[in-house]
PDB file of N, CA and C in Angstrom:
ATOM      1  N   MET A   1      94.401 119.602  88.596  1.00  0.00           N
ATOM      2  CA  MET A   1      94.959 120.883  88.986  1.00  0.00           C
ATOM      3  C   MET A   1      93.820 121.898  89.113  1.00  0.00           C
ATOM      4  N   LEU A   2      93.857 122.640  90.192  1.00  0.00           N
ATOM      5  CA  LEU A   2      92.824 123.641  90.447  1.00  0.00           C
ATOM      6  C   LEU A   2      93.339 125.058  90.240  1.00  0.00           C
ATOM      7  N   GLY A   3      94.605 125.191  89.914  1.00  0.00           N
ATOM      8  CA  GLY A   3      95.182 126.509  89.721  1.00  0.00           C
ATOM      9  C   GLY A   3      96.085 126.877  90.881  1.00  0.00           C
ATOM     10  N   SER A   4      96.985 127.808  90.609  1.00  0.00           N
ATOM     11  CA  SER A   4      97.948 128.282  91.593  1.00  0.00           C
ATOM     12  C   SER A   4      98.725 127.087  92.138  1.00  0.00           C
ATOM     13  N   ASN A   5      98.706 126.843  93.418  1.00  0.00           N
ATOM     14  CA  ASN A   5      99.436 125.723  93.998  1.00  0.00           C
ATOM     15  C   ASN A   5      98.489 124.707  94.640  1.00  0.00           C
ATOM     16  N   HIS A   6      97.287 124.575  94.097  1.00  0.00           N
ATOM     17  CA  HIS A   6      96.295 123.651  94.641  1.00  0.00           C
ATOM     18  C   HIS A   6      96.005 122.535  93.647  1.00  0.00           C
ATOM     19  N   ILE A   7      95.718 121.370  94.200  1.00  0.00           N
ATOM     20  CA  ILE A   7      95.443 120.189  93.380  1.00  0.00           C
ATOM     21  C   ILE A   7      94.447 119.308  94.138  1.00  0.00           C
ATOM     22  N   ARG A   8      93.566 118.638  93.424  1.00  0.00           N
ATOM     23  CA  ARG A   8      92.617 117.722  94.060  1.00  0.00           C
ATOM     24  C   ARG A   8      93.268 116.342  94.089  1.00  0.00           C
ATOM     25  N   VAL A   9      93.293 115.723  95.290  1.00  0.00           N
ATOM     26  CA  VAL A   9      93.999 114.466  95.515  1.00  0.00           C
ATOM     27  C   VAL A   9      93.020 113.418  96.043  1.00  0.00           C
ATOM     28  N   ARG A  10      93.028 112.235  95.442  1.00  0.00           N
ATOM     29  CA  ARG A  10      92.235 111.118  95.953  1.00  0.00           C
ATOM     30  C   ARG A  10      93.158 110.264  96.817  1.00  0.00           C
ATOM     31  N   CYS A  11      92.859 110.176  98.090  1.00  0.00           N
ATOM     32  CA  CYS A  11      93.725 109.495  99.062  1.00  0.00           C
ATOM     33  C   CYS A  11      93.364 108.022  99.187  1.00  0.00           C
ATOM     34  N   GLU A  12      94.275 107.260  99.775  1.00  0.00           N
ATOM     35  CA  GLU A  12      94.092 105.831  99.946  1.00  0.00           C
ATOM     36  C   GLU A  12      92.907 105.495 100.843  1.00  0.00           C
ATOM     37  N   ASP A  13      92.552 106.396 101.770  1.00  0.00           N
ATOM     38  CA  ASP A  13      91.419 106.145 102.668  1.00  0.00           C
ATOM     39  C   ASP A  13      90.068 106.460 102.025  1.00  0.00           C
ATOM     40  N   GLY A  14      90.070 106.815 100.728  1.00  0.00           N
ATOM     41  CA  GLY A  14      88.835 107.042  99.993  1.00  0.00           C
ATOM     42  C   GLY A  14      88.328 108.480 100.016  1.00  0.00           C
ATOM     43  N   VAL A  15      89.017 109.364 100.693  1.00  0.00           N
ATOM     44  CA  VAL A  15      88.612 110.765 100.796  1.00  0.00           C
ATOM     45  C   VAL A  15      89.304 111.568  99.703  1.00  0.00           C
ATOM     46  N   THR A  16      88.551 112.445  99.052  1.00  0.00           N
ATOM     47  CA  THR A  16      89.128 113.366  98.077  1.00  0.00           C
ATOM     48  C   THR A  16      89.409 114.677  98.794  1.00  0.00           C
ATOM     49  N   ARG A  17      90.680 115.082  98.773  1.00  0.00           N
ATOM     50  CA  ARG A  17      91.097 116.277  99.500  1.00  0.00           C
ATOM     51  C   ARG A  17      91.659 117.317  98.540  1.00  0.00           C
ATOM     52  N   MET A  18      91.645 118.567  98.989  1.00  0.00           N
ATOM     53  CA  MET A  18      92.315 119.625  98.256  1.00  0.00           C
ATOM     54  C   MET A  18      93.730 119.732  98.802  1.00  0.00           C
ATOM     55  N   GLY A  19      94.716 119.476  97.952  1.00  0.00           N
ATOM     56  CA  GLY A  19      96.107 119.491  98.379  1.00  0.00           C
ATOM     57  C   GLY A  19      96.780 120.801  98.025  1.00  0.00           C
ATOM     58  N   ARG A  20      97.683 121.205  98.887  1.00  0.00           N
ATOM     59  CA  ARG A  20      98.475 122.410  98.651  1.00  0.00           C
ATOM     60  C   ARG A  20      99.904 121.978  98.384  1.00  0.00           C
ATOM     61  N   ILE A  21     100.451 122.405  97.251  1.00  0.00           N
ATOM     62  CA  ILE A  21     101.820 122.078  96.898  1.00  0.00           C
ATOM     63  C   ILE A  21     102.731 123.049  97.634  1.00  0.00           C
ATOM     64  N   LYS A  22     103.592 122.511  98.482  1.00  0.00           N
ATOM     65  CA  LYS A  22     104.496 123.349  99.258  1.00  0.00           C
ATOM     66  C   LYS A  22     105.492 124.043  98.324  1.00  0.00           C
ATOM     67  N   GLY A  23     106.019 125.169  98.758  1.00  0.00           N
ATOM     68  CA  GLY A  23     106.908 125.977  97.942  1.00  0.00           C
ATOM     69  C   GLY A  23     108.144 125.250  97.455  1.00  0.00           C
ATOM     70  N   LYS A  24     108.734 124.423  98.300  1.00  0.00           N
ATOM     71  CA  LYS A  24     109.941 123.684  97.945  1.00  0.00           C
ATOM     72  C   LYS A  24     109.673 122.737  96.776  1.00  0.00           C
ATOM     73  N   ILE A  25     108.528 122.056  96.796  1.00  0.00           N
ATOM     74  CA  ILE A  25     108.173 121.116  95.733  1.00  0.00           C
ATOM     75  C   ILE A  25     107.683 121.865  94.498  1.00  0.00           C
ATOM     76  N   LYS A  26     106.958 122.957  94.709  1.00  0.00           N
ATOM     77  CA  LYS A  26     106.375 123.731  93.614  1.00  0.00           C
ATOM     78  C   LYS A  26     107.446 124.223  92.648  1.00  0.00           C
ATOM     79  N   LYS A  27     108.582 124.585  93.163  1.00  0.00           N
ATOM     80  CA  LYS A  27     109.665 125.121  92.329  1.00  0.00           C
ATOM     81  C   LYS A  27     110.427 124.030  91.586  1.00  0.00           C
ATOM     82  N   ARG A  28     110.455 122.786  92.126  1.00  0.00           N
ATOM     83  CA  ARG A  28     111.307 121.743  91.560  1.00  0.00           C
ATOM     84  C   ARG A  28     110.590 120.649  90.794  1.00  0.00           C
ATOM     85  N   LEU A  29     109.360 120.314  91.147  1.00  0.00           N
ATOM     86  CA  LEU A  29     108.689 119.149  90.576  1.00  0.00           C
ATOM     87  C   LEU A  29     107.417 119.520  89.831  1.00  0.00           C
ATOM     88  N   TRP A  30     107.135 118.786  88.776  1.00  0.00           N
ATOM     89  CA  TRP A  30     105.863 118.882  88.079  1.00  0.00           C
ATOM     90  C   TRP A  30     105.012 117.715  88.550  1.00  0.00           C
ATOM     91  N   ILE A  31     103.799 118.006  88.954  1.00  0.00           N
ATOM     92  CA  ILE A  31     102.884 116.955  89.395  1.00  0.00           C
ATOM     93  C   ILE A  31     101.832 116.765  88.311  1.00  0.00           C
ATOM     94  N   ARG A  32     101.679 115.504  87.872  1.00  0.00           N
ATOM     95  CA  ARG A  32     100.741 115.183  86.806  1.00  0.00           C
ATOM     96  C   ARG A  32      99.676 114.228  87.321  1.00  0.00           C
ATOM     97  N   GLU A  33      98.597 114.100  86.554  1.00  0.00           N
ATOM     98  CA  GLU A  33      97.530 113.169  86.905  1.00  0.00           C
ATOM     99  C   GLU A  33      98.079 111.747  86.900  1.00  0.00           C
ATOM    100  N   GLY A  34      97.749 110.982  87.921  1.00  0.00           N
ATOM    101  CA  GLY A  34      98.208 109.605  88.031  1.00  0.00           C
ATOM    102  C   GLY A  34      99.483 109.436  88.825  1.00  0.00           C
ATOM    103  N   ASP A  35     100.122 110.510  89.273  1.00  0.00           N
ATOM    104  CA  ASP A  35     101.336 110.412  90.071  1.00  0.00           C
ATOM    105  C   ASP A  35     101.021 109.897  91.473  1.00  0.00           C
ATOM    106  N   LEU A  36     101.982 109.229  92.075  1.00  0.00           N
ATOM    107  CA  LEU A  36     101.867 108.755  93.448  1.00  0.00           C
ATOM    108  C   LEU A  36     102.486 109.811  94.354  1.00  0.00           C
ATOM    109  N   LEU A  37     101.702 110.281  95.319  1.00  0.00           N
ATOM    110  CA  LEU A  37     102.134 111.371  96.193  1.00  0.00           C
ATOM    111  C   LEU A  37     102.082 110.952  97.644  1.00  0.00           C
ATOM    112  N   ILE A  38     102.903 111.586  98.454  1.00  0.00           N
ATOM    113  CA  ILE A  38     102.778 111.478  99.902  1.00  0.00           C
ATOM    114  C   ILE A  38     102.132 112.769 100.367  1.00  0.00           C
ATOM    115  N   VAL A  39     101.004 112.641 101.062  1.00  0.00           N
ATOM    116  CA  VAL A  39     100.285 113.812 101.562  1.00  0.00           C
ATOM    117  C   VAL A  39     100.108 113.704 103.071  1.00  0.00           C
ATOM    118  N   VAL A  40      99.989 114.862 103.716  1.00  0.00           N
ATOM    119  CA  VAL A  40      99.747 114.925 105.156  1.00  0.00           C
ATOM    120  C   VAL A  40      98.469 115.724 105.367  1.00  0.00           C
ATOM    121  N   PRO A  41      97.381 115.064 105.844  1.00  0.00           N
ATOM    122  CA  PRO A  41      96.134 115.796 106.102  1.00  0.00           C
ATOM    123  C   PRO A  41      96.318 116.828 107.209  1.00  0.00           C
ATOM    124  N   TRP A  42      95.579 117.917 107.088  1.00  0.00           N
ATOM    125  CA  TRP A  42      95.627 118.952 108.112  1.00  0.00           C
ATOM    126  C   TRP A  42      94.921 118.447 109.370  1.00  0.00           C
ATOM    127  N   ASP A  43      95.390 118.872 110.534  1.00  0.00           N
ATOM    128  CA  ASP A  43      94.779 118.463 111.794  1.00  0.00           C
ATOM    129  C   ASP A  43      93.394 119.058 111.986  1.00  0.00           C
ATOM    130  N   PHE A  44      93.206 120.288 111.561  1.00  0.00           N
ATOM    131  CA  PHE A  44      91.967 121.006 111.858  1.00  0.00           C
ATOM    132  C   PHE A  44      90.967 120.999 110.710  1.00  0.00           C
ATOM    133  N   GLN A  45      91.364 120.614 109.498  1.00  0.00           N
ATOM    134  CA  GLN A  45      90.445 120.474 108.363  1.00  0.00           C
ATOM    135  C   GLN A  45      90.805 119.196 107.619  1.00  0.00           C
ATOM    136  N   ASP A  46      90.003 118.172 107.792  1.00  0.00           N
ATOM    137  CA  ASP A  46      90.324 116.866 107.211  1.00  0.00           C
ATOM    138  C   ASP A  46      90.219 116.860 105.693  1.00  0.00           C
ATOM    139  N   GLU A  47      89.495 117.809 105.106  1.00  0.00           N
ATOM    140  CA  GLU A  47      89.333 117.815 103.648  1.00  0.00           C
ATOM    141  C   GLU A  47      90.475 118.525 102.926  1.00  0.00           C
ATOM    142  N   LYS A  48      91.503 118.946 103.657  1.00  0.00           N
ATOM    143  CA  LYS A  48      92.667 119.595 103.044  1.00  0.00           C
ATOM    144  C   LYS A  48      93.944 118.885 103.478  1.00  0.00           C
ATOM    145  N   CYS A  49      94.998 119.001 102.627  1.00  0.00           N
ATOM    146  CA  CYS A  49      96.261 118.330 102.947  1.00  0.00           C
ATOM    147  C   CYS A  49      97.424 119.083 102.305  1.00  0.00           C
ATOM    148  N   ASP A  50      98.616 118.755 102.761  1.00  0.00           N
ATOM    149  CA  ASP A  50      99.848 119.268 102.174  1.00  0.00           C
ATOM    150  C   ASP A  50     100.519 118.137 101.413  1.00  0.00           C
ATOM    151  N   ILE A  51     101.058 118.443 100.233  1.00  0.00           N
ATOM    152  CA  ILE A  51     101.767 117.454  99.435  1.00  0.00           C
ATOM    153  C   ILE A  51     103.240 117.530  99.819  1.00  0.00           C
ATOM    154  N   ILE A  52     103.782 116.407 100.255  1.00  0.00           N
ATOM    155  CA  ILE A  52     105.144 116.358 100.761  1.00  0.00           C
ATOM    156  C   ILE A  52     106.133 115.846  99.715  1.00  0.00           C
ATOM    157  N   TYR A  53     105.741 114.814  98.943  1.00  0.00           N
ATOM    158  CA  TYR A  53     106.686 114.180  98.021  1.00  0.00           C
ATOM    159  C   TYR A  53     105.937 113.558  96.856  1.00  0.00           C
ATOM    160  N   ARG A  54     106.588 113.498  95.699  1.00  0.00           N
ATOM    161  CA  ARG A  54     106.038 112.836  94.514  1.00  0.00           C
ATOM    162  C   ARG A  54     107.008 111.757  94.073  1.00  0.00           C
ATOM    163  N   TYR A  55     106.486 110.542  93.862  1.00  0.00           N
ATOM    164  CA  TYR A  55     107.293 109.444  93.344  1.00  0.00           C
ATOM    165  C   TYR A  55     107.258 109.464  91.824  1.00  0.00           C
ATOM    166  N   ILE A  56     108.398 109.217  91.197  1.00  0.00           N
ATOM    167  CA  ILE A  56     108.452 109.102  89.745  1.00  0.00           C
ATOM    168  C   ILE A  56     108.181 107.649  89.353  1.00  0.00           C
ATOM    169  N   ARG A  57     107.911 107.400  88.080  1.00  0.00           N
ATOM    170  CA  ARG A  57     107.484 106.077  87.593  1.00  0.00           C
ATOM    171  C   ARG A  57     108.440 104.946  87.995  1.00  0.00           C
ATOM    172  N   PRO A  58     109.772 105.054  87.809  1.00  0.00           N
ATOM    173  CA  PRO A  58     110.647 103.951  88.221  1.00  0.00           C
ATOM    174  C   PRO A  58     110.587 103.663  89.726  1.00  0.00           C
ATOM    175  N   GLN A  59     110.399 104.695  90.522  1.00  0.00           N
ATOM    176  CA  GLN A  59     110.286 104.493  91.971  1.00  0.00           C
ATOM    177  C   GLN A  59     109.009 103.730  92.312  1.00  0.00           C
ATOM    178  N   VAL A  60     107.901 104.064  91.656  1.00  0.00           N
ATOM    179  CA  VAL A  60     106.631 103.370  91.892  1.00  0.00           C
ATOM    180  C   VAL A  60     106.746 101.904  91.475  1.00  0.00           C
ATOM    181  N   GLU A  61     107.371 101.641  90.335  1.00  0.00           N
ATOM    182  CA  GLU A  61     107.542 100.259  89.875  1.00  0.00           C
ATOM    183  C   GLU A  61     108.403  99.467  90.848  1.00  0.00           C
ATOM    184  N   TRP A  62     109.457 100.076  91.379  1.00  0.00           N
ATOM    185  CA  TRP A  62     110.310  99.402  92.363  1.00  0.00           C
ATOM    186  C   TRP A  62     109.529  99.101  93.635  1.00  0.00           C
ATOM    187  N   LEU A  63     108.731 100.046  94.108  1.00  0.00           N
ATOM    188  CA  LEU A  63     107.927  99.837  95.316  1.00  0.00           C
ATOM    189  C   LEU A  63     106.925  98.701  95.124  1.00  0.00           C
ATOM    190  N   GLN A  64     106.296  98.623  93.940  1.00  0.00           N
ATOM    191  CA  GLN A  64     105.350  97.547  93.661  1.00  0.00           C
ATOM    192  C   GLN A  64     106.060  96.198  93.541  1.00  0.00           C
ATOM    193  N   LYS A  65     107.219  96.192  92.878  1.00  0.00           N
ATOM    194  CA  LYS A  65     107.971  94.946  92.689  1.00  0.00           C
ATOM    195  C   LYS A  65     108.421  94.367  94.026  1.00  0.00           C
ATOM    196  N   ASN A  66     108.760  95.202  94.982  1.00  0.00           N
ATOM    197  CA  ASN A  66     109.245  94.767  96.288  1.00  0.00           C
ATOM    198  C   ASN A  66     108.144  94.716  97.350  1.00  0.00           C
ATOM    199  N   ASN A  67     106.892  94.728  96.904  1.00  0.00           N
ATOM    200  CA  ASN A  67     105.709  94.550  97.762  1.00  0.00           C
ATOM    201  C   ASN A  67     105.543  95.632  98.838  1.00  0.00           C
ATOM    202  N   TYR A  68     105.980  96.842  98.559  1.00  0.00           N
ATOM    203  CA  TYR A  68     105.710  97.960  99.451  1.00  0.00           C
ATOM    204  C   TYR A  68     104.354  98.595  99.135  1.00  0.00           C
ATOM    205  N   LEU A  69     103.880  98.406  97.902  1.00  0.00           N
ATOM    206  CA  LEU A  69     102.594  98.931  97.447  1.00  0.00           C
ATOM    207  C   LEU A  69     101.756  97.809  96.879  1.00  0.00           C
ATOM    208  N   SER A  70     100.458  97.911  97.048  1.00  0.00           N
ATOM    209  CA  SER A  70      99.556  96.979  96.368  1.00  0.00           C
ATOM    210  C   SER A  70      99.022  97.682  95.126  1.00  0.00           C
ATOM    211  N   LYS A  71      98.660  96.934  94.127  1.00  0.00           N
ATOM    212  CA  LYS A  71      98.190  97.527  92.870  1.00  0.00           C
ATOM    213  C   LYS A  71      96.780  97.984  92.965  1.00  0.00           C
TER     214      LYS A  71
END
């Protein structure tokens, strides 16, 4: 967490980006270290992204069990 609504995110493509938590998610969800997130990189700045969704632990386990995610 970097403060306010910003967070540093390590993406699957190996790039570390600064993520912005959108208002809808900011009010409803707590994002912790180690969470699985869906992010959308910005078109004009590749080092920044928007956080769209956070998976909770049972959802991540289900995705791994059904081979949607690799470990």
